[in-house]
Protein backbone atom coordinates (compact mmCIF):
# COMPACT_ATOMS: atom_id res chain seq x y z
CA MET A 1 18.99 -17.91 -0.42
CA VAL A 2 16.65 -15.52 1.58
CA ALA A 3 17.71 -11.80 1.73
CA GLN A 4 18.15 -11.19 5.51
CA SER A 5 19.33 -7.47 4.75
CA ALA A 6 19.29 -4.74 2.40
CA SER A 7 22.91 -5.77 1.11
CA ASP A 8 22.64 -9.75 1.09
CA THR A 9 21.70 -10.48 -2.23
CA PRO A 10 20.93 -8.45 -5.41
CA ALA A 11 17.74 -10.07 -6.19
CA PRO A 12 15.42 -8.21 -3.49
CA ARG A 13 17.42 -5.00 -4.14
CA ALA A 14 16.44 -5.31 -7.87
CA ILE A 15 12.89 -6.03 -7.09
CA ALA A 16 12.54 -3.10 -4.76
CA TYR A 17 14.18 -0.80 -7.44
CA GLN A 18 12.23 -2.29 -10.24
CA PRO A 19 8.50 -0.74 -9.58
CA PRO A 20 9.65 2.74 -10.21
CA LEU A 21 11.29 1.56 -13.45
CA THR A 22 8.17 -0.40 -14.76
CA ALA A 23 5.16 0.14 -12.57
CA SER A 24 4.93 -3.71 -12.07
CA SER A 25 3.64 -5.25 -8.93
CA ILE A 26 6.08 -7.04 -6.53
CA ALA A 27 4.15 -10.40 -7.10
CA SER A 28 4.47 -10.24 -10.80
CA THR A 29 8.15 -9.10 -10.45
CA MET A 30 9.09 -11.85 -8.27
CA ALA A 31 7.42 -14.32 -10.55
CA LEU A 32 9.27 -13.02 -13.69
CA ALA A 33 10.62 -15.93 -15.74
CA SER A 34 13.59 -15.20 -17.80
CA ALA A 35 11.53 -16.24 -20.88
CA GLY A 36 9.06 -13.56 -19.89
CA SER A 37 11.24 -10.87 -20.79
CA ARG A 38 11.74 -9.87 -24.52
CA ARG A 39 15.31 -8.71 -24.48
CA LYS A 40 15.46 -7.06 -27.99
CA ARG A 41 12.26 -5.09 -27.46
CA ALA A 42 12.38 -4.38 -23.71
CA VAL A 43 8.82 -5.87 -23.24
CA TRP A 44 7.73 -7.93 -20.26
CA ILE A 45 5.20 -10.50 -21.15
CA LYS A 46 3.23 -11.30 -17.96
CA PRO A 47 1.48 -14.76 -17.93
CA ALA A 48 -2.14 -14.35 -16.97
CA ALA A 49 -1.44 -16.59 -13.72
CA THR A 50 0.82 -13.56 -12.42
CA THR A 51 -1.53 -10.82 -12.77
CA LYS A 52 -4.38 -9.58 -10.59
CA GLN A 53 -6.91 -9.51 -13.65
CA ARG A 54 -5.69 -13.19 -14.65
CA ARG A 55 -5.06 -11.71 -18.23
CA LEU A 56 -1.82 -11.66 -20.23
CA HIS A 57 -0.13 -8.37 -19.79
CA ARG A 58 2.48 -6.99 -22.07
CA ALA A 59 4.34 -4.08 -20.59
CA PRO A 60 7.38 -2.12 -22.16
CA ILE A 61 10.18 -1.72 -19.78
CA SER A 62 12.71 1.09 -19.49
CA ALA A 63 16.29 0.65 -20.53
CA SER A 64 17.41 1.13 -16.83
CA ALA A 65 14.98 -1.76 -16.00
CA ALA A 66 16.18 -4.01 -18.83
CA ALA A 67 19.96 -3.38 -17.74
CA LEU A 68 18.87 -4.05 -14.10
CA LEU A 69 17.22 -7.41 -15.13
CA ARG A 70 20.14 -8.35 -17.31
CA THR A 71 22.72 -7.83 -14.41
CA ILE A 72 20.53 -9.85 -12.14
CA ARG A 73 20.00 -12.71 -14.65
CA GLN A 74 23.90 -12.95 -14.91
CA ARG A 75 24.09 -13.97 -11.33
CA VAL A 76 21.36 -16.68 -11.61
CA PRO A 77 22.27 -20.16 -12.58
CA GLU A 78 21.62 -20.87 -16.42
CA ASP A 79 19.33 -23.87 -15.79
CA CYS A 80 17.03 -21.86 -13.32
CA GLU A 81 14.05 -20.28 -15.12
CA TRP A 82 13.34 -17.50 -12.85
CA VAL A 83 15.13 -14.12 -12.79
CA PHE A 84 14.43 -14.09 -9.02
CA PRO A 85 14.93 -17.72 -7.69
CA GLY A 86 13.36 -18.65 -4.44
CA GLU A 87 14.58 -20.85 -1.71
CA ALA A 88 12.76 -24.01 -2.94
CA LYS A 89 14.32 -25.49 -6.29
CA GLY A 90 12.18 -24.63 -9.20
CA LYS A 91 10.15 -21.93 -7.39
CA SER A 92 10.53 -18.16 -7.87
CA LEU A 93 11.20 -15.80 -5.02
CA GLN A 94 8.11 -15.72 -2.93
CA ASP A 95 8.57 -12.78 -0.12
CA ILE A 96 10.98 -9.83 0.43
CA LYS A 97 9.26 -8.70 3.44
CA ARG A 98 12.46 -8.78 5.66
CA PHE A 99 14.58 -7.15 2.99
CA TRP A 100 11.94 -4.30 2.55
CA GLU A 101 11.81 -3.84 6.43
CA ASP A 102 15.64 -3.48 6.43
CA VAL A 103 15.32 -0.67 3.54
CA ARG A 104 12.66 1.24 5.41
CA ALA A 105 14.79 1.21 8.63
CA LYS A 106 18.18 2.39 6.76
CA ALA A 107 16.05 5.02 4.66
CA GLU A 108 14.19 6.09 8.13
CA LEU A 109 10.96 5.74 6.21
CA PRO A 110 8.89 3.41 8.65
CA THR A 111 5.62 3.66 7.03
CA VAL A 112 6.53 3.52 3.31
CA ARG A 113 4.93 0.38 1.78
CA ILE A 114 6.67 -1.34 -1.23
CA HIS A 115 3.40 -0.73 -3.16
CA ASP A 116 3.65 2.91 -2.56
CA LEU A 117 6.45 2.77 -5.24
CA ARG A 118 3.86 2.01 -7.88
CA HIS A 119 1.85 5.18 -6.70
CA THR A 120 5.04 7.12 -6.90
CA PHE A 121 5.76 5.79 -10.47
CA ALA A 122 2.13 7.01 -11.49
CA SER A 123 2.47 10.32 -9.64
CA LEU A 124 5.58 11.03 -11.57
CA LEU A 125 4.11 10.22 -14.90
CA VAL A 126 0.99 12.42 -14.21
CA SER A 127 3.21 15.31 -13.10
CA GLY A 128 5.31 14.97 -16.35
CA GLY A 129 2.23 15.29 -18.51
CA MET A 130 1.56 11.82 -19.56
CA THR A 131 -2.16 10.92 -20.15
CA LEU A 132 -4.33 8.88 -17.59
CA PRO A 133 -5.01 6.12 -20.16
CA MET A 134 -1.39 5.62 -20.87
CA ILE A 135 -0.60 5.47 -17.21
CA GLY A 136 -3.28 3.09 -16.75
CA LYS A 137 -2.06 0.79 -19.35
CA LEU A 138 1.53 1.00 -17.92
CA LEU A 139 0.23 0.09 -14.73
CA GLY A 140 -1.95 -2.80 -16.10
CA HIS A 141 -5.24 -1.32 -15.07
CA THR A 142 -8.21 -2.52 -16.99
CA GLN A 143 -10.53 -0.07 -15.55
CA VAL A 144 -10.14 3.76 -16.25
CA GLN A 145 -11.72 4.50 -13.03
CA THR A 146 -8.63 2.66 -11.14
CA THR A 147 -6.17 5.23 -12.80
CA GLN A 148 -8.57 8.22 -12.05
CA ARG A 149 -7.24 8.46 -8.58
CA TYR A 150 -4.03 10.13 -10.08
CA ALA A 151 -6.35 12.67 -11.82
CA TYR A 152 -5.99 15.42 -9.16
CA LEU A 153 -2.31 15.44 -9.97
CA LEU A 154 -3.00 16.87 -13.36
CA ASP A 155 -3.58 20.27 -11.95
CA ASP A 156 0.09 21.38 -11.46
CA PRO A 157 1.08 20.53 -15.30
CA LEU A 158 -2.15 22.17 -16.47
CA ARG A 159 -1.59 25.10 -14.35
CA ALA A 160 2.11 25.33 -15.75
CA GLY A 161 0.42 25.08 -19.24
CA LEU A 162 -1.87 28.03 -18.37
CA GLU A 163 1.01 30.13 -16.88
CA GLN A 164 3.02 29.64 -20.18
CA VAL A 165 0.06 30.93 -22.09
CA GLY A 166 -0.48 33.76 -19.79
CA ASP A 167 3.16 34.85 -20.11
CA MET A 168 2.86 34.81 -23.90
CA LEU A 169 -0.40 37.01 -23.79
CA ARG A 170 0.66 39.37 -20.96
CA VAL A 171 1.13 42.85 -22.38
CA LYS A 172 4.66 43.63 -22.05
CA PRO A 173 5.30 47.44 -20.76
CA ARG A 174 7.09 49.60 -23.15
CA LEU A 175 8.57 53.05 -23.18
CA VAL A 176 6.44 55.74 -24.74
CA GLN A 177 7.99 59.08 -25.22
CA SER A 178 5.71 62.00 -24.97
CA GLU A 179 6.03 64.92 -27.52
CA ALA A 180 7.05 67.18 -24.84
CA SER A 181 10.25 65.17 -23.97
CA CYS A 182 11.15 65.11 -27.65
CA VAL A 183 12.64 68.43 -28.06
CA LEU A 184 15.00 69.19 -30.89
């Protein structure tokens, strides 16, 4: 079944919500096989064939993403290996373009690309103080330079840290009584 609108099927909806929870690309999300997700450890093992670098990628997933994937998996026939089955039997979902266009229209965000969700994920992590190497690992970046594009966002948490130190060191005004005002 192909999603015609944002409310047709749960699979495209889950794919659209999933990148902010795991930072995975849409392509690797659609190609998620049920065996590719380690339920007990909330880890997603992405086969090399589904990653841009053509390397096996092990990615932790949040409890929210794991719950979402379990919910979707319950709606898929047991004999299907894909979490997001496609139209053709034995194939994963290949495209969510029409679904995403519908989401953008309803949200009145005509220029937002689905890949922008990965950038939002990374930006939120940087703003929360996570290190660039950790963010790069979560995004599946193999080159540090790829994650460096988010470095400018580090200014805000750094500035907040500076303000905290400044507040601690700032001389607090205190009341000083002069001898003249201390008449017995």
